[in-house]
Amino acid sequence: MAKQKLTPTARRMKAIRDKRAAMTADRRKKKAENQRKRRKAIKEGKNIKGKDYDHKKKKFVSVKKNRGNYGKGTKKEG
């Protein structure tokens, strides 16, 4: 995936927005849950390399499927 071409000002503003979004209560709970699930799966000997935990399906799926909303794109997610 190509890196976004942003002006220095836009890059700073995007970093602030991204940080604010990442620190919401919902995102922090999902991140903590994901860390617990990954650690548990690794302990159980599962190969989760290249996979993300899908909070809707409640299992590990490929990054491509999870972040692409299973071919529907992220605009229709939610």
N, C-alpha and C. Protein backbone atom coordinates (compact mmCIF):
# COMPACT_ATOMS: atom_id res chain seq x y z
N MET A 1 0.85 -1.17 0.00
CA MET A 1 0.00 0.00 0.00
C MET A 1 0.90 1.24 0.00
N ALA A 2 0.62 2.16 -0.87
CA ALA A 2 1.43 3.36 -0.99
C ALA A 2 1.19 4.30 0.18
N LYS A 3 2.24 4.97 0.59
CA LYS A 3 2.15 5.94 1.68
C LYS A 3 1.40 7.17 1.19
N GLN A 4 0.59 7.75 2.07
CA GLN A 4 -0.15 8.95 1.70
C GLN A 4 0.80 10.11 1.47
N LYS A 5 0.52 10.87 0.45
CA LYS A 5 1.33 12.05 0.15
C LYS A 5 0.64 13.26 0.78
N LEU A 6 1.14 13.64 1.95
CA LEU A 6 0.53 14.74 2.70
C LEU A 6 1.54 15.85 2.93
N THR A 7 1.02 17.05 3.04
CA THR A 7 1.88 18.17 3.39
C THR A 7 2.27 18.00 4.86
N PRO A 8 3.33 18.64 5.30
CA PRO A 8 3.72 18.53 6.71
C PRO A 8 2.61 18.92 7.68
N THR A 9 1.86 19.96 7.35
CA THR A 9 0.76 20.39 8.21
C THR A 9 -0.34 19.32 8.25
N ALA A 10 -0.70 18.80 7.09
CA ALA A 10 -1.74 17.77 7.01
C ALA A 10 -1.28 16.51 7.74
N ARG A 11 0.00 16.18 7.65
CA ARG A 11 0.53 15.00 8.33
C ARG A 11 0.40 15.14 9.85
N ARG A 12 0.71 16.32 10.36
CA ARG A 12 0.58 16.57 11.80
C ARG A 12 -0.87 16.49 12.25
N MET A 13 -1.76 17.10 11.48
CA MET A 13 -3.18 17.09 11.83
C MET A 13 -3.75 15.67 11.77
N LYS A 14 -3.32 14.89 10.79
CA LYS A 14 -3.77 13.50 10.68
C LYS A 14 -3.28 12.69 11.87
N ALA A 15 -2.05 12.92 12.30
CA ALA A 15 -1.51 12.21 13.46
C ALA A 15 -2.34 12.51 14.70
N ILE A 16 -2.75 13.76 14.84
CA ILE A 16 -3.58 14.15 15.99
C ILE A 16 -4.94 13.45 15.92
N ARG A 17 -5.57 13.46 14.74
CA ARG A 17 -6.87 12.80 14.57
C ARG A 17 -6.76 11.30 14.82
N ASP A 18 -5.73 10.69 14.26
CA ASP A 18 -5.55 9.24 14.43
C ASP A 18 -5.34 8.88 15.89
N LYS A 19 -4.54 9.67 16.58
CA LYS A 19 -4.27 9.42 17.99
C LYS A 19 -5.56 9.54 18.80
N ARG A 20 -6.34 10.59 18.52
CA ARG A 20 -7.60 10.80 19.23
C ARG A 20 -8.56 9.63 18.99
N ALA A 21 -8.62 9.14 17.76
CA ALA A 21 -9.50 8.00 17.44
C ALA A 21 -9.01 6.73 18.13
N ALA A 22 -7.71 6.53 18.18
CA ALA A 22 -7.14 5.33 18.77
C ALA A 22 -7.30 5.29 20.29
N MET A 23 -7.48 6.45 20.89
CA MET A 23 -7.57 6.51 22.35
C MET A 23 -9.00 6.57 22.88
N THR A 24 -10.00 6.38 22.01
CA THR A 24 -11.37 6.35 22.50
C THR A 24 -11.56 5.10 23.34
N ALA A 25 -12.53 5.12 24.21
CA ALA A 25 -12.78 3.98 25.11
C ALA A 25 -13.05 2.70 24.32
N ASP A 26 -13.82 2.81 23.25
CA ASP A 26 -14.15 1.63 22.43
C ASP A 26 -12.91 1.02 21.79
N ARG A 27 -12.06 1.87 21.20
CA ARG A 27 -10.85 1.37 20.53
C ARG A 27 -9.89 0.76 21.54
N ARG A 28 -9.79 1.36 22.73
CA ARG A 28 -8.88 0.83 23.75
C ARG A 28 -9.35 -0.52 24.25
N LYS A 29 -10.67 -0.69 24.40
CA LYS A 29 -11.21 -1.99 24.82
C LYS A 29 -10.94 -3.05 23.74
N LYS A 30 -11.13 -2.69 22.47
CA LYS A 30 -10.88 -3.64 21.38
C LYS A 30 -9.40 -4.01 21.29
N LYS A 31 -8.54 -3.01 21.50
CA LYS A 31 -7.10 -3.27 21.45
C LYS A 31 -6.68 -4.22 22.57
N ALA A 32 -7.20 -3.98 23.77
CA ALA A 32 -6.87 -4.83 24.91
C ALA A 32 -7.39 -6.25 24.68
N GLU A 33 -8.61 -6.35 24.15
CA GLU A 33 -9.18 -7.67 23.84
C GLU A 33 -8.34 -8.39 22.81
N ASN A 34 -7.93 -7.66 21.77
CA ASN A 34 -7.11 -8.24 20.71
C ASN A 34 -5.78 -8.75 21.26
N GLN A 35 -5.17 -8.00 22.14
CA GLN A 35 -3.90 -8.43 22.73
C GLN A 35 -4.08 -9.70 23.54
N ARG A 36 -5.15 -9.78 24.32
CA ARG A 36 -5.43 -10.99 25.10
C ARG A 36 -5.65 -12.19 24.19
N LYS A 37 -6.43 -12.00 23.12
CA LYS A 37 -6.73 -13.10 22.19
C LYS A 37 -5.46 -13.58 21.48
N ARG A 38 -4.62 -12.63 21.04
CA ARG A 38 -3.38 -13.00 20.34
C ARG A 38 -2.44 -13.78 21.27
N ARG A 39 -2.29 -13.30 22.49
CA ARG A 39 -1.41 -13.98 23.44
C ARG A 39 -1.91 -15.39 23.74
N LYS A 40 -3.22 -15.53 23.90
CA LYS A 40 -3.81 -16.83 24.18
C LYS A 40 -3.61 -17.78 22.99
N ALA A 41 -3.84 -17.28 21.77
CA ALA A 41 -3.70 -18.11 20.57
C ALA A 41 -2.25 -18.57 20.40
N ILE A 42 -1.31 -17.68 20.65
CA ILE A 42 0.11 -18.03 20.53
C ILE A 42 0.47 -19.08 21.57
N LYS A 43 -0.06 -18.92 22.78
CA LYS A 43 0.19 -19.88 23.85
C LYS A 43 -0.35 -21.26 23.49
N GLU A 44 -1.48 -21.29 22.77
CA GLU A 44 -2.10 -22.55 22.36
C GLU A 44 -1.43 -23.14 21.13
N GLY A 45 -0.45 -22.42 20.57
CA GLY A 45 0.30 -22.93 19.43
C GLY A 45 -0.34 -22.69 18.08
N LYS A 46 -1.31 -21.79 18.02
CA LYS A 46 -1.97 -21.48 16.74
C LYS A 46 -1.10 -20.54 15.92
N ASN A 47 -1.13 -20.71 14.61
CA ASN A 47 -0.39 -19.83 13.71
C ASN A 47 -1.31 -18.67 13.31
N ILE A 48 -1.06 -17.50 13.88
CA ILE A 48 -1.90 -16.34 13.59
C ILE A 48 -1.13 -15.27 12.83
N LYS A 49 -0.01 -15.66 12.26
CA LYS A 49 0.80 -14.69 11.51
C LYS A 49 0.00 -14.19 10.31
N GLY A 50 -0.06 -12.88 10.14
CA GLY A 50 -0.79 -12.28 9.02
C GLY A 50 -2.29 -12.25 9.23
N LYS A 51 -2.73 -12.46 10.47
CA LYS A 51 -4.16 -12.46 10.74
C LYS A 51 -4.50 -11.42 11.80
N ASP A 52 -5.74 -10.93 11.73
CA ASP A 52 -6.28 -9.98 12.70
C ASP A 52 -7.47 -10.64 13.38
N TYR A 53 -7.76 -10.22 14.58
CA TYR A 53 -8.95 -10.73 15.25
C TYR A 53 -10.14 -9.92 14.78
N ASP A 54 -11.15 -10.61 14.27
CA ASP A 54 -12.37 -9.95 13.81
C ASP A 54 -13.37 -9.93 14.96
N HIS A 55 -13.73 -8.75 15.43
CA HIS A 55 -14.61 -8.61 16.57
C HIS A 55 -16.05 -8.95 16.23
N LYS A 56 -16.40 -8.93 14.95
CA LYS A 56 -17.76 -9.30 14.56
C LYS A 56 -17.90 -10.82 14.47
N LYS A 57 -16.92 -11.47 13.82
CA LYS A 57 -16.96 -12.93 13.66
C LYS A 57 -16.38 -13.67 14.85
N LYS A 58 -15.70 -12.95 15.72
CA LYS A 58 -15.09 -13.51 16.93
C LYS A 58 -14.08 -14.61 16.63
N LYS A 59 -13.24 -14.38 15.60
CA LYS A 59 -12.17 -15.31 15.28
C LYS A 59 -11.09 -14.59 14.48
N PHE A 60 -9.96 -15.25 14.29
CA PHE A 60 -8.87 -14.67 13.52
C PHE A 60 -9.12 -14.89 12.03
N VAL A 61 -9.00 -13.82 11.27
CA VAL A 61 -9.16 -13.88 9.81
C VAL A 61 -8.00 -13.12 9.19
N SER A 62 -7.83 -13.26 7.89
CA SER A 62 -6.73 -12.57 7.22
C SER A 62 -6.90 -11.06 7.35
N VAL A 63 -5.79 -10.37 7.35
CA VAL A 63 -5.80 -8.91 7.45
C VAL A 63 -6.59 -8.32 6.29
N LYS A 64 -6.39 -8.89 5.10
CA LYS A 64 -7.04 -8.38 3.90
C LYS A 64 -8.57 -8.44 4.03
N LYS A 65 -9.08 -9.57 4.50
CA LYS A 65 -10.53 -9.71 4.67
C LYS A 65 -11.04 -8.79 5.76
N ASN A 66 -10.37 -8.77 6.89
CA ASN A 66 -10.84 -8.01 8.04
C ASN A 66 -10.84 -6.51 7.78
N ARG A 67 -9.76 -5.99 7.26
CA ARG A 67 -9.66 -4.55 7.07
C ARG A 67 -10.39 -4.07 5.82
N GLY A 68 -10.68 -4.99 4.90
CA GLY A 68 -11.42 -4.63 3.70
C GLY A 68 -12.90 -4.90 3.81
N ASN A 69 -13.35 -5.29 5.02
CA ASN A 69 -14.77 -5.56 5.28
C ASN A 69 -15.32 -6.62 4.33
N TYR A 70 -14.52 -7.66 4.09
CA TYR A 70 -14.93 -8.80 3.27
C TYR A 70 -15.39 -8.40 1.88
N GLY A 71 -14.65 -7.48 1.26
CA GLY A 71 -14.92 -7.07 -0.12
C GLY A 71 -15.94 -5.97 -0.26
N LYS A 72 -16.53 -5.51 0.84
CA LYS A 72 -17.54 -4.46 0.78
C LYS A 72 -16.93 -3.07 0.91
N GLY A 73 -15.67 -2.99 1.31
CA GLY A 73 -15.03 -1.71 1.53
C GLY A 73 -15.37 -1.14 2.89
N THR A 74 -14.62 -0.16 3.31
CA THR A 74 -14.79 0.36 4.67
C THR A 74 -15.86 1.44 4.77
N LYS A 75 -16.35 1.94 3.64
CA LYS A 75 -17.39 2.99 3.72
C LYS A 75 -18.71 2.43 4.22
N LYS A 76 -18.97 1.13 3.95
CA LYS A 76 -20.24 0.54 4.34
C LYS A 76 -20.13 -0.24 5.65
N GLU A 77 -19.02 -0.07 6.33
CA GLU A 77 -18.79 -0.80 7.57
C GLU A 77 -19.57 -0.16 8.71
N GLY A 78 -19.97 -1.01 9.66
CA GLY A 78 -20.59 -0.44 10.84
C GLY A 78 -21.86 -1.07 11.26
